C-alpha atoms as a PDB file:
ATOM      1  CA  MET A   1     -22.168  30.624  -2.517  1.00  0.00           C
ATOM      2  CA  LEU A   2     -18.570  29.374  -2.508  1.00  0.00           C
ATOM      3  CA  VAL A   3     -16.777  29.657   0.833  1.00  0.00           C
ATOM      4  CA  VAL A   4     -13.092  28.866   1.367  1.00  0.00           C
ATOM      5  CA  VAL A   5     -12.012  28.383   4.986  1.00  0.00           C
ATOM      6  CA  LYS A   6      -8.449  28.192   6.299  1.00  0.00           C
ATOM      7  CA  VAL A   7      -8.110  26.415   9.658  1.00  0.00           C
ATOM      8  CA  GLY A   8      -4.975  27.389  11.564  1.00  0.00           C
ATOM      9  CA  GLY A   9      -2.652  25.002  13.382  1.00  0.00           C
ATOM     10  CA  ARG A  10      -3.889  25.226  16.999  1.00  0.00           C
ATOM     11  CA  LEU A  11      -7.472  24.866  15.774  1.00  0.00           C
ATOM     12  CA  LEU A  12      -6.663  21.313  14.651  1.00  0.00           C
ATOM     13  CA  GLU A  13      -6.671  20.260  18.295  1.00  0.00           C
ATOM     14  CA  LYS A  14      -9.578  17.947  19.046  1.00  0.00           C
ATOM     15  CA  GLU A  15     -11.548  20.410  21.170  1.00  0.00           C
ATOM     16  CA  PHE A  16     -11.676  22.934  18.320  1.00  0.00           C
ATOM     17  CA  ILE A  17     -11.712  20.909  15.106  1.00  0.00           C
ATOM     18  CA  SER A  18     -14.724  18.929  16.270  1.00  0.00           C
ATOM     19  CA  THR A  19     -16.739  22.154  16.670  1.00  0.00           C
ATOM     20  CA  ILE A  20     -15.475  23.491  13.338  1.00  0.00           C
ATOM     21  CA  ALA A  21     -16.449  20.219  11.638  1.00  0.00           C
ATOM     22  CA  LEU A  22     -19.953  20.373  13.074  1.00  0.00           C
ATOM     23  CA  ASP A  23     -20.368  23.916  11.807  1.00  0.00           C
ATOM     24  CA  ALA A  24     -18.903  22.889   8.437  1.00  0.00           C
ATOM     25  CA  LYS A  25     -21.746  20.395   8.147  1.00  0.00           C
ATOM     26  CA  ALA A  26     -24.351  23.168   8.462  1.00  0.00           C
ATOM     27  CA  VAL A  27     -22.472  25.474   6.098  1.00  0.00           C
ATOM     28  CA  SER A  28     -21.913  22.802   3.449  1.00  0.00           C
ATOM     29  CA  GLU A  29     -25.631  21.991   3.291  1.00  0.00           C
ATOM     30  CA  ALA A  30     -26.362  25.419   1.795  1.00  0.00           C
ATOM     31  CA  ASN A  31     -23.012  26.367   0.233  1.00  0.00           C
ATOM     32  CA  ARG A  32     -20.042  25.002  -1.682  1.00  0.00           C
ATOM     33  CA  LEU A  33     -17.237  24.658   0.845  1.00  0.00           C
ATOM     34  CA  ILE A  34     -13.468  24.140   0.662  1.00  0.00           C
ATOM     35  CA  LEU A  35     -11.193  23.789   3.683  1.00  0.00           C
ATOM     36  CA  VAL A  36      -7.452  24.455   3.782  1.00  0.00           C
ATOM     37  CA  HIS A  37      -5.597  23.458   6.935  1.00  0.00           C
ATOM     38  CA  GLY A  38      -2.321  24.419   8.567  1.00  0.00           C
ATOM     39  CA  GLY A  39      -0.361  22.417  11.087  1.00  0.00           C
ATOM     40  CA  GLY A  40       3.082  23.921  11.508  1.00  0.00           C
ATOM     41  CA  ARG A  41       3.184  23.181  15.226  1.00  0.00           C
ATOM     42  CA  GLU A  42       2.749  19.478  14.597  1.00  0.00           C
ATOM     43  CA  VAL A  43       5.516  19.555  11.975  1.00  0.00           C
ATOM     44  CA  THR A  44       7.808  21.198  14.533  1.00  0.00           C
ATOM     45  CA  GLU A  45       7.003  18.558  17.154  1.00  0.00           C
ATOM     46  CA  VAL A  46       7.701  15.707  14.741  1.00  0.00           C
ATOM     47  CA  GLU A  47      10.958  17.304  13.611  1.00  0.00           C
ATOM     48  CA  ARG A  48      12.158  17.466  17.202  1.00  0.00           C
ATOM     49  CA  LYS A  49      11.085  13.897  17.904  1.00  0.00           C
ATOM     50  CA  LEU A  50      13.199  12.849  14.917  1.00  0.00           C
ATOM     51  CA  GLY A  51      16.204  14.640  16.360  1.00  0.00           C
ATOM     52  CA  ARG A  52      16.127  17.696  14.090  1.00  0.00           C
ATOM     53  CA  GLN A  53      16.084  21.290  15.281  1.00  0.00           C
ATOM     54  CA  PRO A  54      13.549  23.311  13.254  1.00  0.00           C
ATOM     55  CA  ARG A  55      14.891  26.474  11.674  1.00  0.00           C
ATOM     56  CA  PHE A  56      12.770  29.561  11.241  1.00  0.00           C
ATOM     57  CA  ILE A  57      13.615  32.628   9.188  1.00  0.00           C
ATOM     58  CA  VAL A  58      12.232  36.164   8.956  1.00  0.00           C
ATOM     59  CA  SER A  59      11.891  38.132   5.711  1.00  0.00           C
ATOM     60  CA  PRO A  60      12.502  41.905   5.452  1.00  0.00           C
ATOM     61  CA  ASP A  61       8.693  42.332   5.347  1.00  0.00           C
ATOM     62  CA  GLY A  62       8.321  40.585   8.702  1.00  0.00           C
ATOM     63  CA  PHE A  63       7.190  37.144   7.519  1.00  0.00           C
ATOM     64  CA  ARG A  64       8.334  34.367   9.842  1.00  0.00           C
ATOM     65  CA  SER A  65       8.485  30.979   8.142  1.00  0.00           C
ATOM     66  CA  ARG A  66      10.027  27.541   8.368  1.00  0.00           C
ATOM     67  CA  TYR A  67      13.226  27.009   6.426  1.00  0.00           C
ATOM     68  CA  THR A  68      12.565  23.869   4.388  1.00  0.00           C
ATOM     69  CA  ASP A  69      15.491  21.783   3.204  1.00  0.00           C
ATOM     70  CA  ARG A  70      15.145  18.379   1.522  1.00  0.00           C
ATOM     71  CA  GLU A  71      14.749  16.392   4.750  1.00  0.00           C
ATOM     72  CA  THR A  72      12.359  18.935   6.222  1.00  0.00           C
ATOM     73  CA  VAL A  73      10.068  18.850   3.185  1.00  0.00           C
ATOM     74  CA  GLU A  74       9.828  15.062   3.555  1.00  0.00           C
ATOM     75  CA  ILE A  75       8.783  15.456   7.192  1.00  0.00           C
ATOM     76  CA  TYR A  76       6.421  18.264   6.189  1.00  0.00           C
ATOM     77  CA  ALA A  77       4.746  16.037   3.602  1.00  0.00           C
ATOM     78  CA  MET A  78       4.425  13.152   6.049  1.00  0.00           C
ATOM     79  CA  VAL A  79       2.714  15.324   8.668  1.00  0.00           C
ATOM     80  CA  MET A  80       0.681  17.704   6.500  1.00  0.00           C
ATOM     81  CA  ALA A  81      -0.503  15.503   3.640  1.00  0.00           C
ATOM     82  CA  GLY A  82      -0.543  12.377   5.775  1.00  0.00           C
ATOM     83  CA  LYS A  83      -1.368  12.585   9.469  1.00  0.00           C
ATOM     84  CA  LEU A  84      -3.091  15.966   9.746  1.00  0.00           C
ATOM     85  CA  ASN A  85      -4.987  15.903   6.477  1.00  0.00           C
ATOM     86  CA  LYS A  86      -6.490  12.501   7.227  1.00  0.00           C
ATOM     87  CA  GLN A  87      -7.326  13.482  10.811  1.00  0.00           C
ATOM     88  CA  VAL A  88      -9.288  16.492   9.546  1.00  0.00           C
ATOM     89  CA  VAL A  89     -11.057  14.372   6.919  1.00  0.00           C
ATOM     90  CA  ALA A  90     -11.966  11.737   9.517  1.00  0.00           C
ATOM     91  CA  THR A  91     -13.346  14.378  11.894  1.00  0.00           C
ATOM     92  CA  LEU A  92     -15.459  15.915   9.124  1.00  0.00           C
ATOM     93  CA  GLN A  93     -16.727  12.493   8.062  1.00  0.00           C
ATOM     94  CA  SER A  94     -17.738  11.820  11.681  1.00  0.00           C
ATOM     95  CA  LYS A  95     -20.059  14.844  11.385  1.00  0.00           C
ATOM     96  CA  ASN A  96     -21.483  13.556   8.072  1.00  0.00           C
ATOM     97  CA  VAL A  97     -19.462  15.956   5.924  1.00  0.00           C
ATOM     98  CA  ASN A  98     -18.441  14.210   2.696  1.00  0.00           C
ATOM     99  CA  ALA A  99     -14.837  15.385   2.892  1.00  0.00           C
ATOM    100  CA  ILE A 100     -12.024  14.337   0.573  1.00  0.00           C
ATOM    101  CA  GLY A 101      -8.380  14.978   1.450  1.00  0.00           C
ATOM    102  CA  LEU A 102      -5.889  16.398  -1.035  1.00  0.00           C
ATOM    103  CA  SER A 103      -2.475  17.964  -1.140  1.00  0.00           C
ATOM    104  CA  GLY A 104      -1.321  20.276  -3.877  1.00  0.00           C
ATOM    105  CA  LEU A 105       0.483  17.374  -5.526  1.00  0.00           C
ATOM    106  CA  ASP A 106      -2.697  15.354  -6.073  1.00  0.00           C
ATOM    107  CA  GLY A 107      -4.093  15.874  -9.555  1.00  0.00           C
ATOM    108  CA  ARG A 108      -1.621  18.754 -10.021  1.00  0.00           C
ATOM    109  CA  LEU A 109      -3.895  20.737  -7.750  1.00  0.00           C
ATOM    110  CA  LEU A 110      -1.321  23.406  -6.894  1.00  0.00           C
ATOM    111  CA  ILE A 111       1.680  24.256  -9.058  1.00  0.00           C
ATOM    112  CA  ALA A 112       4.309  26.538  -7.563  1.00  0.00           C
ATOM    113  CA  GLU A 113       7.557  28.160  -8.568  1.00  0.00           C
ATOM    114  CA  ARG A 114      10.389  27.043  -6.355  1.00  0.00           C
ATOM    115  CA  LYS A 115      12.092  29.984  -4.669  1.00  0.00           C
ATOM    116  CA  LYS A 116      15.722  29.870  -5.746  1.00  0.00           C
ATOM    117  CA  ARG A 117      16.875  32.418  -3.195  1.00  0.00           C
ATOM    118  CA  LEU A 118      15.467  33.908  -0.013  1.00  0.00           C
ATOM    119  CA  VAL A 119      16.316  37.295   1.459  1.00  0.00           C
ATOM    120  CA  ILE A 120      16.196  37.105   5.240  1.00  0.00           C
ATOM    121  CA  ILE A 121      17.087  39.174   8.272  1.00  0.00           C
ATOM    122  CA  ASN A 122      19.885  37.503  10.254  1.00  0.00           C
ATOM    123  CA  GLU A 123      20.516  37.551  14.004  1.00  0.00           C
ATOM    124  CA  ARG A 124      22.337  40.874  13.668  1.00  0.00           C
ATOM    125  CA  GLY A 125      19.393  42.492  11.945  1.00  0.00           C
ATOM    126  CA  ARG A 126      21.077  42.551   8.549  1.00  0.00           C
ATOM    127  CA  LYS A 127      19.792  41.319   5.223  1.00  0.00           C
ATOM    128  CA  MET A 128      21.379  38.223   3.764  1.00  0.00           C
ATOM    129  CA  VAL A 129      20.619  35.872   0.873  1.00  0.00           C
ATOM    130  CA  ILE A 130      20.290  32.114   1.369  1.00  0.00           C
ATOM    131  CA  ASP A 131      19.298  29.187  -0.817  1.00  0.00           C
ATOM    132  CA  GLY A 132      15.540  28.970  -1.293  1.00  0.00           C
ATOM    133  CA  GLY A 133      15.251  25.346  -0.234  1.00  0.00           C
ATOM    134  CA  TYR A 134      11.943  23.613  -0.910  1.00  0.00           C
ATOM    135  CA  THR A 135       9.521  26.496  -0.579  1.00  0.00           C
ATOM    136  CA  GLY A 136       7.388  27.889  -3.351  1.00  0.00           C
ATOM    137  CA  ARG A 137       4.958  30.505  -4.605  1.00  0.00           C
ATOM    138  CA  ILE A 138       1.708  29.159  -6.065  1.00  0.00           C
ATOM    139  CA  VAL A 139       1.251  30.108  -9.713  1.00  0.00           C
ATOM    140  CA  GLU A 140      -1.490  27.730 -10.835  1.00  0.00           C
ATOM    141  CA  THR A 141      -4.542  26.079  -9.271  1.00  0.00           C
ATOM    142  CA  ASN A 142      -6.450  23.207 -10.863  1.00  0.00           C
ATOM    143  CA  ARG A 143      -9.894  24.804 -10.933  1.00  0.00           C
ATOM    144  CA  ASP A 144     -11.427  21.999 -12.962  1.00  0.00           C
ATOM    145  CA  LEU A 145     -10.530  19.369 -10.362  1.00  0.00           C
ATOM    146  CA  LEU A 146     -11.951  21.402  -7.494  1.00  0.00           C
ATOM    147  CA  ASN A 147     -15.121  22.223  -9.402  1.00  0.00           C
ATOM    148  CA  GLN A 148     -15.635  18.560 -10.287  1.00  0.00           C
ATOM    149  CA  LEU A 149     -15.339  17.601  -6.624  1.00  0.00           C
ATOM    150  CA  LEU A 150     -17.659  20.406  -5.513  1.00  0.00           C
ATOM    151  CA  ASP A 151     -20.201  19.501  -8.195  1.00  0.00           C
ATOM    152  CA  SER A 152     -20.130  15.904  -6.949  1.00  0.00           C
ATOM    153  CA  GLY A 153     -20.963  16.985  -3.401  1.00  0.00           C
ATOM    154  CA  TYR A 154     -17.517  16.707  -1.846  1.00  0.00           C
ATOM    155  CA  VAL A 155     -15.855  19.129   0.564  1.00  0.00           C
ATOM    156  CA  PRO A 156     -12.188  19.280  -0.492  1.00  0.00           C
ATOM    157  CA  VAL A 157      -9.721  19.441   2.411  1.00  0.00           C
ATOM    158  CA  ILE A 158      -6.391  20.766   1.178  1.00  0.00           C
ATOM    159  CA  ALA A 159      -2.972  20.384   2.791  1.00  0.00           C
ATOM    160  CA  PRO A 160      -0.654  23.316   1.951  1.00  0.00           C
ATOM    161  CA  MET A 161       1.837  21.588  -0.316  1.00  0.00           C
ATOM    162  CA  ALA A 162       2.473  22.283  -3.982  1.00  0.00           C
ATOM    163  CA  MET A 163       4.298  20.665  -6.868  1.00  0.00           C
ATOM    164  CA  SER A 164       7.165  22.484  -8.539  1.00  0.00           C
ATOM    165  CA  LYS A 165       7.553  22.627 -12.307  1.00  0.00           C
ATOM    166  CA  GLU A 166      10.313  20.050 -11.770  1.00  0.00           C
ATOM    167  CA  TYR A 167       7.801  17.764  -9.975  1.00  0.00           C
ATOM    168  CA  GLU A 168       9.264  18.360  -6.515  1.00  0.00           C
ATOM    169  CA  PRO A 169       7.144  18.726  -3.347  1.00  0.00           C
ATOM    170  CA  LEU A 170       7.200  22.259  -1.978  1.00  0.00           C
ATOM    171  CA  ASN A 171       6.158  23.861   1.277  1.00  0.00           C
ATOM    172  CA  VAL A 172       3.676  26.698   0.650  1.00  0.00           C
ATOM    173  CA  ASP A 173       2.098  28.954   3.246  1.00  0.00           C
ATOM    174  CA  GLY A 174      -1.373  27.842   4.364  1.00  0.00           C
ATOM    175  CA  ASP A 175      -2.973  31.296   4.385  1.00  0.00           C
ATOM    176  CA  ARG A 176      -1.582  32.112   0.948  1.00  0.00           C
ATOM    177  CA  THR A 177      -2.744  28.682  -0.273  1.00  0.00           C
ATOM    178  CA  ALA A 178      -6.287  29.478   0.844  1.00  0.00           C
ATOM    179  CA  ALA A 179      -6.068  32.868  -0.874  1.00  0.00           C
ATOM    180  CA  SER A 180      -4.838  31.271  -4.115  1.00  0.00           C
ATOM    181  CA  VAL A 181      -7.618  28.688  -4.093  1.00  0.00           C
ATOM    182  CA  ALA A 182     -10.272  31.299  -3.306  1.00  0.00           C
ATOM    183  CA  GLY A 183      -8.949  33.606  -6.002  1.00  0.00           C
ATOM    184  CA  ALA A 184      -8.722  30.911  -8.660  1.00  0.00           C
ATOM    185  CA  LEU A 185     -12.367  29.922  -8.094  1.00  0.00           C
ATOM    186  CA  ASN A 186     -13.683  33.490  -7.639  1.00  0.00           C
ATOM    187  CA  ALA A 187     -14.970  32.554  -4.210  1.00  0.00           C
ATOM    188  CA  ASP A 188     -17.625  34.665  -2.569  1.00  0.00           C
ATOM    189  CA  LEU A 189     -15.902  34.540   0.791  1.00  0.00           C
ATOM    190  CA  LEU A 190     -12.521  33.629   2.270  1.00  0.00           C
ATOM    191  CA  ILE A 191     -12.463  32.982   6.013  1.00  0.00           C
ATOM    192  CA  LEU A 192      -9.131  32.735   7.827  1.00  0.00           C
ATOM    193  CA  LEU A 193      -9.846  31.092  11.171  1.00  0.00           C
ATOM    194  CA  THR A 194      -7.261  31.691  13.876  1.00  0.00           C
ATOM    195  CA  ASP A 195      -6.912  31.552  17.667  1.00  0.00           C
ATOM    196  CA  VAL A 196      -7.336  35.313  18.197  1.00  0.00           C
ATOM    197  CA  GLU A 197     -10.374  37.546  17.817  1.00  0.00           C
ATOM    198  CA  GLY A 198      -9.175  39.194  14.612  1.00  0.00           C
ATOM    199  CA  LEU A 199      -6.918  42.105  13.764  1.00  0.00           C
ATOM    200  CA  ALA A 200      -6.040  44.495  16.575  1.00  0.00           C
ATOM    201  CA  ILE A 201      -4.048  47.721  16.189  1.00  0.00           C
ATOM    202  CA  ASP A 202      -2.568  49.313  19.326  1.00  0.00           C
ATOM    203  CA  GLY A 203      -4.675  46.939  21.415  1.00  0.00           C
ATOM    204  CA  LYS A 204      -7.951  47.892  19.759  1.00  0.00           C
ATOM    205  CA  ALA A 205     -10.011  45.453  17.680  1.00  0.00           C
ATOM    206  CA  VAL A 206     -10.527  46.393  14.044  1.00  0.00           C
ATOM    207  CA  PRO A 207     -13.959  45.124  12.896  1.00  0.00           C
ATOM    208  CA  ASN A 208     -13.920  46.412   9.294  1.00  0.00           C
ATOM    209  CA  LEU A 209     -11.319  47.444   6.741  1.00  0.00           C
ATOM    210  CA  LYS A 210     -11.199  48.382   3.098  1.00  0.00           C
ATOM    211  CA  LEU A 211      -8.482  46.875   0.942  1.00  0.00           C
ATOM    212  CA  ALA A 212      -6.513  50.117   0.700  1.00  0.00           C
ATOM    213  CA  GLU A 213      -6.690  50.617   4.471  1.00  0.00           C
ATOM    214  CA  ALA A 214      -5.408  47.103   5.118  1.00  0.00           C
ATOM    215  CA  LYS A 215      -2.351  47.766   2.957  1.00  0.00           C
ATOM    216  CA  THR A 216      -1.492  50.984   4.793  1.00  0.00           C
ATOM    217  CA  LEU A 217      -1.665  49.162   8.151  1.00  0.00           C
ATOM    218  CA  LEU A 218       0.845  46.461   7.190  1.00  0.00           C
ATOM    219  CA  PRO A 219       3.860  48.191   8.848  1.00  0.00           C
ATOM    220  CA  LYS A 220       1.986  48.184  12.180  1.00  0.00           C
ATOM    221  CA  ILE A 221       1.081  44.488  12.114  1.00  0.00           C
ATOM    222  CA  GLY A 222       3.140  41.858  13.918  1.00  0.00           C
ATOM    223  CA  PRO A 223       4.466  38.583  12.451  1.00  0.00           C
ATOM    224  CA  GLY A 224       1.579  36.487  13.758  1.00  0.00           C
ATOM    225  CA  MET A 225      -1.026  38.419  11.761  1.00  0.00           C
ATOM    226  CA  ILE A 226       0.841  39.922   8.823  1.00  0.00           C
ATOM    227  CA  THR A 227       0.629  36.774   6.682  1.00  0.00           C
ATOM    228  CA  LYS A 228      -3.147  36.683   7.111  1.00  0.00           C
ATOM    229  CA  ILE A 229      -3.514  40.324   6.088  1.00  0.00           C
ATOM    230  CA  HIS A 230      -1.353  39.725   3.030  1.00  0.00           C
ATOM    231  CA  ALA A 231      -3.405  36.619   2.174  1.00  0.00           C
ATOM    232  CA  ALA A 232      -6.651  38.553   2.594  1.00  0.00           C
ATOM    233  CA  THR A 233      -5.508  41.406   0.347  1.00  0.00           C
ATOM    234  CA  GLU A 234      -4.169  38.991  -2.274  1.00  0.00           C
ATOM    235  CA  ALA A 235      -7.509  37.184  -2.349  1.00  0.00           C
ATOM    236  CA  LEU A 236      -9.412  40.431  -2.831  1.00  0.00           C
ATOM    237  CA  GLU A 237      -7.075  41.478  -5.624  1.00  0.00           C
ATOM    238  CA  GLN A 238      -7.746  38.134  -7.337  1.00  0.00           C
ATOM    239  CA  GLY A 239     -11.487  38.709  -7.336  1.00  0.00           C
ATOM    240  CA  VAL A 240     -12.700  37.257  -4.030  1.00  0.00           C
ATOM    241  CA  ALA A 241     -15.679  39.293  -2.872  1.00  0.00           C
ATOM    242  CA  LYS A 242     -14.893  39.431   0.844  1.00  0.00           C
ATOM    243  CA  THR A 243     -12.453  38.104   3.446  1.00  0.00           C
ATOM    244  CA  VAL A 244     -12.844  37.627   7.193  1.00  0.00           C
ATOM    245  CA  ILE A 245     -10.149  36.974   9.783  1.00  0.00           C
ATOM    246  CA  ALA A 246     -12.043  35.401  12.658  1.00  0.00           C
ATOM    247  CA  PRO A 247     -11.644  33.283  15.805  1.00  0.00           C
ATOM    248  CA  GLY A 248     -12.090  29.549  15.377  1.00  0.00           C
ATOM    249  CA  THR A 249     -12.352  28.840  19.080  1.00  0.00           C
ATOM    250  CA  ASN A 250     -16.003  29.791  19.620  1.00  0.00           C
ATOM    251  CA  ALA A 251     -19.218  27.991  18.808  1.00  0.00           C
ATOM    252  CA  SER A 252     -20.229  27.993  15.114  1.00  0.00           C
ATOM    253  CA  PRO A 253     -17.028  29.761  14.023  1.00  0.00           C
ATOM    254  CA  ILE A 254     -17.638  29.566  10.258  1.00  0.00           C
ATOM    255  CA  THR A 255     -21.262  30.669  10.504  1.00  0.00           C
ATOM    256  CA  SER A 256     -20.352  33.505  12.871  1.00  0.00           C
ATOM    257  CA  ALA A 257     -17.716  34.762  10.424  1.00  0.00           C
ATOM    258  CA  MET A 258     -20.134  34.503   7.497  1.00  0.00           C
ATOM    259  CA  ASN A 259     -22.661  36.596   9.414  1.00  0.00           C
ATOM    260  CA  HIS A 260     -20.017  39.179  10.422  1.00  0.00           C
ATOM    261  CA  LYS A 261     -20.641  38.544  14.110  1.00  0.00           C
ATOM    262  CA  VAL A 262     -16.940  38.151  14.881  1.00  0.00           C
ATOM    263  CA  GLY A 263     -13.512  38.992  13.524  1.00  0.00           C
ATOM    264  CA  THR A 264     -12.228  41.517  11.014  1.00  0.00           C
ATOM    265  CA  VAL A 265     -13.986  41.911   7.668  1.00  0.00           C
ATOM    266  CA  ILE A 266     -11.835  43.152   4.771  1.00  0.00           C
ATOM    267  CA  GLU A 267     -13.475  44.160   1.479  1.00  0.00           C
ATOM    268  CA  ASN A 268     -12.685  46.045  -1.684  1.00  0.00           C
ATOM    269  CA  ALA A 269     -13.448  49.752  -1.631  1.00  0.00           C
END
């Protein structure tokens, strides 16, 4: 069974990532496992320490994201592919998980199209068009490289960066990165670990959804969860068998999600 797990930013804190790594050890003994990590909060902290004010934008669909200019993408690469990626690898290795750290630039793992323009909602609530900066949409995943690593017993740990067709580093969303990787490898399961219990609508937890139902609920979902729902539906449409949005703050978070004990399970009809 191939399982792809996305670990959100707050879950990289020591108290959580250590538990996730221990569970990853148990999961990897019986399954092929790939981890994708986030880390936007750390990027924001480093930006501020370097005297830069982070800029965030909101799309007409409600996506909130970091605006990434040339200097920001350099900071992003330093934190994501450098500090955070190696911290996650070291933590996994400490639990005897044979992890190997990668960004999308390594071995042409992730190729993305650079977004030339972005449509955003400004402070007045109006649409406007701005330069796309250094953000991208993944269009190609190096399946052969990942399969070679998995066949050799490694657990790939992927930082959400991609290479443009012009060989530039690009910022790509972590949830969508996990969905692209899972889809490219026809994964059996995509787990999006977060710091909430799963999807809730009008204050009520939603334990199960079909793909079509998830799409109809998108207008009711806030900015913190909408990217995960989009990533989950994209993965299913690419052939992933099942997706789970689940809390990563409890004991055995990956195993619990695999066994449908927690979170929101989304499947094809």
